[in-house]
Amino acid sequence: PYLAERYAELAQHPLVGETQTCGLMAALQLVRDKADGSAFPSWQEVGMLCRGHCFGNGLIMRAVGDRMIIAPPLVITRAQIDEMVALIRRCLDLTLADVRARGWDR
């Protein structure tokens, strides 16, 4: 439940259309426009862009298209969940900066 609570906070990010959790698995959908939920064109590979930022910041997050997936260890602590969510937010911010710099947010 704590992961679900903390992960849901990521839905406030401009790139996140929705978050989903099931036990200790979680996913978030990257969207171009939160208002209408429109996706990025597949050729932009925004999920892979985000994945690169995740790996570069020590976070393993899988990209399936523009859906980002985590499956942390079953022994994860609340403090580690807090650290992970902060890292995800940082990587989302870095991805958003790249998207804006490339003009893909229009």
C-alpha atoms as a PDB file:
ATOM      1  CA  PRO A   1       0.000   0.000   0.000  1.00  0.00           C
ATOM      2  CA  TYR A   2       2.828   2.437   0.722  1.00  0.00           C
ATOM      3  CA  LEU A   3       4.273   2.005  -2.771  1.00  0.00           C
ATOM      4  CA  ALA A   4       0.833   2.613  -4.289  1.00  0.00           C
ATOM      5  CA  GLU A   5       0.406   5.766  -2.201  1.00  0.00           C
ATOM      6  CA  ARG A   6       3.802   7.210  -3.111  1.00  0.00           C
ATOM      7  CA  TYR A   7       3.630   6.107  -6.754  1.00  0.00           C
ATOM      8  CA  ALA A   8       0.240   7.784  -7.232  1.00  0.00           C
ATOM      9  CA  GLU A   9       1.932  11.123  -6.450  1.00  0.00           C
ATOM     10  CA  LEU A  10       3.817  10.805  -9.748  1.00  0.00           C
ATOM     11  CA  ALA A  11       0.521  11.298 -11.624  1.00  0.00           C
ATOM     12  CA  GLN A  12       0.926  15.031 -10.912  1.00  0.00           C
ATOM     13  CA  HIS A  13       3.959  15.198 -13.227  1.00  0.00           C
ATOM     14  CA  PRO A  14       3.294  16.862 -16.618  1.00  0.00           C
ATOM     15  CA  LEU A  15       4.493  13.765 -18.527  1.00  0.00           C
ATOM     16  CA  VAL A  16       2.450  11.192 -16.603  1.00  0.00           C
ATOM     17  CA  GLY A  17      -0.981  10.299 -17.904  1.00  0.00           C
ATOM     18  CA  GLU A  18      -1.682   7.614 -15.331  1.00  0.00           C
ATOM     19  CA  THR A  19      -0.040   5.429 -12.724  1.00  0.00           C
ATOM     20  CA  GLN A  20      -0.901   1.843 -11.869  1.00  0.00           C
ATOM     21  CA  THR A  21       0.255  -0.475  -9.119  1.00  0.00           C
ATOM     22  CA  CYS A  22      -0.323  -4.128  -8.311  1.00  0.00           C
ATOM     23  CA  GLY A  23       1.479  -5.207  -5.170  1.00  0.00           C
ATOM     24  CA  LEU A  24       5.103  -4.240  -5.679  1.00  0.00           C
ATOM     25  CA  MET A  25       4.832  -3.825  -9.434  1.00  0.00           C
ATOM     26  CA  ALA A  26       4.048  -0.400 -10.829  1.00  0.00           C
ATOM     27  CA  ALA A  27       3.781   1.379 -14.152  1.00  0.00           C
ATOM     28  CA  LEU A  28       3.262   4.872 -15.419  1.00  0.00           C
ATOM     29  CA  GLN A  29       2.219   6.033 -18.862  1.00  0.00           C
ATOM     30  CA  LEU A  30       4.124   8.892 -20.477  1.00  0.00           C
ATOM     31  CA  VAL A  31       1.848  11.202 -22.454  1.00  0.00           C
ATOM     32  CA  ARG A  32       2.377  14.203 -24.674  1.00  0.00           C
ATOM     33  CA  ASP A  33      -0.725  16.005 -23.408  1.00  0.00           C
ATOM     34  CA  LYS A  34      -2.265  15.286 -20.005  1.00  0.00           C
ATOM     35  CA  ALA A  35      -5.507  17.054 -20.908  1.00  0.00           C
ATOM     36  CA  ASP A  36      -6.474  14.632 -23.657  1.00  0.00           C
ATOM     37  CA  GLY A  37      -4.089  11.768 -22.855  1.00  0.00           C
ATOM     38  CA  SER A  38      -2.514  11.878 -26.302  1.00  0.00           C
ATOM     39  CA  ALA A  39       0.580   9.781 -26.831  1.00  0.00           C
ATOM     40  CA  PHE A  40       3.920  10.750 -28.284  1.00  0.00           C
ATOM     41  CA  PRO A  41       4.553   9.475 -31.812  1.00  0.00           C
ATOM     42  CA  SER A  42       6.289   6.100 -31.558  1.00  0.00           C
ATOM     43  CA  TRP A  43       9.320   7.279 -33.536  1.00  0.00           C
ATOM     44  CA  GLN A  44      10.218   9.695 -30.729  1.00  0.00           C
ATOM     45  CA  GLU A  45      10.783   6.778 -28.328  1.00  0.00           C
ATOM     46  CA  VAL A  46      10.184   8.925 -25.250  1.00  0.00           C
ATOM     47  CA  GLY A  47      10.081   5.796 -23.084  1.00  0.00           C
ATOM     48  CA  MET A  48      13.628   4.921 -24.115  1.00  0.00           C
ATOM     49  CA  LEU A  49      14.678   8.520 -23.512  1.00  0.00           C
ATOM     50  CA  CYS A  50      13.281   8.265 -19.966  1.00  0.00           C
ATOM     51  CA  ARG A  51      14.876   4.828 -19.516  1.00  0.00           C
ATOM     52  CA  GLY A  52      18.252   6.335 -20.380  1.00  0.00           C
ATOM     53  CA  HIS A  53      17.837   8.952 -17.668  1.00  0.00           C
ATOM     54  CA  CYS A  54      16.772   6.245 -15.218  1.00  0.00           C
ATOM     55  CA  PHE A  55      19.820   4.082 -15.927  1.00  0.00           C
ATOM     56  CA  GLY A  56      22.074   7.147 -15.783  1.00  0.00           C
ATOM     57  CA  ASN A  57      20.766   7.921 -12.299  1.00  0.00           C
ATOM     58  CA  GLY A  58      21.066   4.401 -10.897  1.00  0.00           C
ATOM     59  CA  LEU A  59      17.425   3.406 -11.328  1.00  0.00           C
ATOM     60  CA  ILE A  60      16.385   0.340 -13.288  1.00  0.00           C
ATOM     61  CA  MET A  61      13.066   1.061 -14.950  1.00  0.00           C
ATOM     62  CA  ARG A  62      11.796  -0.849 -17.968  1.00  0.00           C
ATOM     63  CA  ALA A  63      10.349   0.961 -20.976  1.00  0.00           C
ATOM     64  CA  VAL A  64       7.601  -0.815 -22.902  1.00  0.00           C
ATOM     65  CA  GLY A  65       6.801   1.798 -25.496  1.00  0.00           C
ATOM     66  CA  ASP A  66       5.991   4.852 -23.400  1.00  0.00           C
ATOM     67  CA  ARG A  67       4.927   2.797 -20.379  1.00  0.00           C
ATOM     68  CA  MET A  68       7.579   2.772 -17.659  1.00  0.00           C
ATOM     69  CA  ILE A  69       7.583  -0.271 -15.371  1.00  0.00           C
ATOM     70  CA  ILE A  70       9.249  -1.039 -12.047  1.00  0.00           C
ATOM     71  CA  ALA A  71       9.380  -4.239 -10.031  1.00  0.00           C
ATOM     72  CA  PRO A  72      11.417  -3.529  -6.895  1.00  0.00           C
ATOM     73  CA  PRO A  73      12.589  -6.309  -4.576  1.00  0.00           C
ATOM     74  CA  LEU A  74      10.058  -7.685  -2.113  1.00  0.00           C
ATOM     75  CA  VAL A  75      12.298  -6.590   0.775  1.00  0.00           C
ATOM     76  CA  ILE A  76      12.229  -2.884  -0.194  1.00  0.00           C
ATOM     77  CA  THR A  77      11.836  -0.522   2.766  1.00  0.00           C
ATOM     78  CA  ARG A  78       9.722   2.618   3.022  1.00  0.00           C
ATOM     79  CA  ALA A  79      12.885   4.727   2.927  1.00  0.00           C
ATOM     80  CA  GLN A  80      13.965   2.973  -0.256  1.00  0.00           C
ATOM     81  CA  ILE A  81      10.520   3.540  -1.797  1.00  0.00           C
ATOM     82  CA  ASP A  82      10.860   7.235  -0.954  1.00  0.00           C
ATOM     83  CA  GLU A  83      14.305   7.300  -2.573  1.00  0.00           C
ATOM     84  CA  MET A  84      13.021   5.443  -5.653  1.00  0.00           C
ATOM     85  CA  VAL A  85      10.050   7.792  -6.134  1.00  0.00           C
ATOM     86  CA  ALA A  86      12.386  10.794  -5.832  1.00  0.00           C
ATOM     87  CA  LEU A  87      14.666   9.269  -8.477  1.00  0.00           C
ATOM     88  CA  ILE A  88      11.713   8.591 -10.774  1.00  0.00           C
ATOM     89  CA  ARG A  89      10.565  12.203 -10.395  1.00  0.00           C
ATOM     90  CA  ARG A  90      14.100  13.411 -11.214  1.00  0.00           C
ATOM     91  CA  CYS A  91      14.228  11.226 -14.311  1.00  0.00           C
ATOM     92  CA  LEU A  92      10.800  12.426 -15.404  1.00  0.00           C
ATOM     93  CA  ASP A  93      11.998  16.024 -15.009  1.00  0.00           C
ATOM     94  CA  LEU A  94      15.093  15.279 -17.116  1.00  0.00           C
ATOM     95  CA  THR A  95      12.936  13.593 -19.752  1.00  0.00           C
ATOM     96  CA  LEU A  96      10.543  16.544 -19.822  1.00  0.00           C
ATOM     97  CA  ALA A  97      13.465  18.930 -20.301  1.00  0.00           C
ATOM     98  CA  ASP A  98      14.652  16.847 -23.277  1.00  0.00           C
ATOM     99  CA  VAL A  99      11.141  16.680 -24.750  1.00  0.00           C
ATOM    100  CA  ARG A 100      10.788  20.452 -24.488  1.00  0.00           C
ATOM    101  CA  ALA A 101      14.277  21.107 -25.894  1.00  0.00           C
ATOM    102  CA  ARG A 102      13.392  18.972 -28.932  1.00  0.00           C
ATOM    103  CA  GLY A 103      10.032  20.715 -29.378  1.00  0.00           C
ATOM    104  CA  TRP A 104       8.137  17.437 -28.916  1.00  0.00           C
ATOM    105  CA  ASP A 105       5.709  18.918 -26.399  1.00  0.00           C
ATOM    106  CA  ARG A 106       3.820  20.851 -29.051  1.00  0.00           C
END
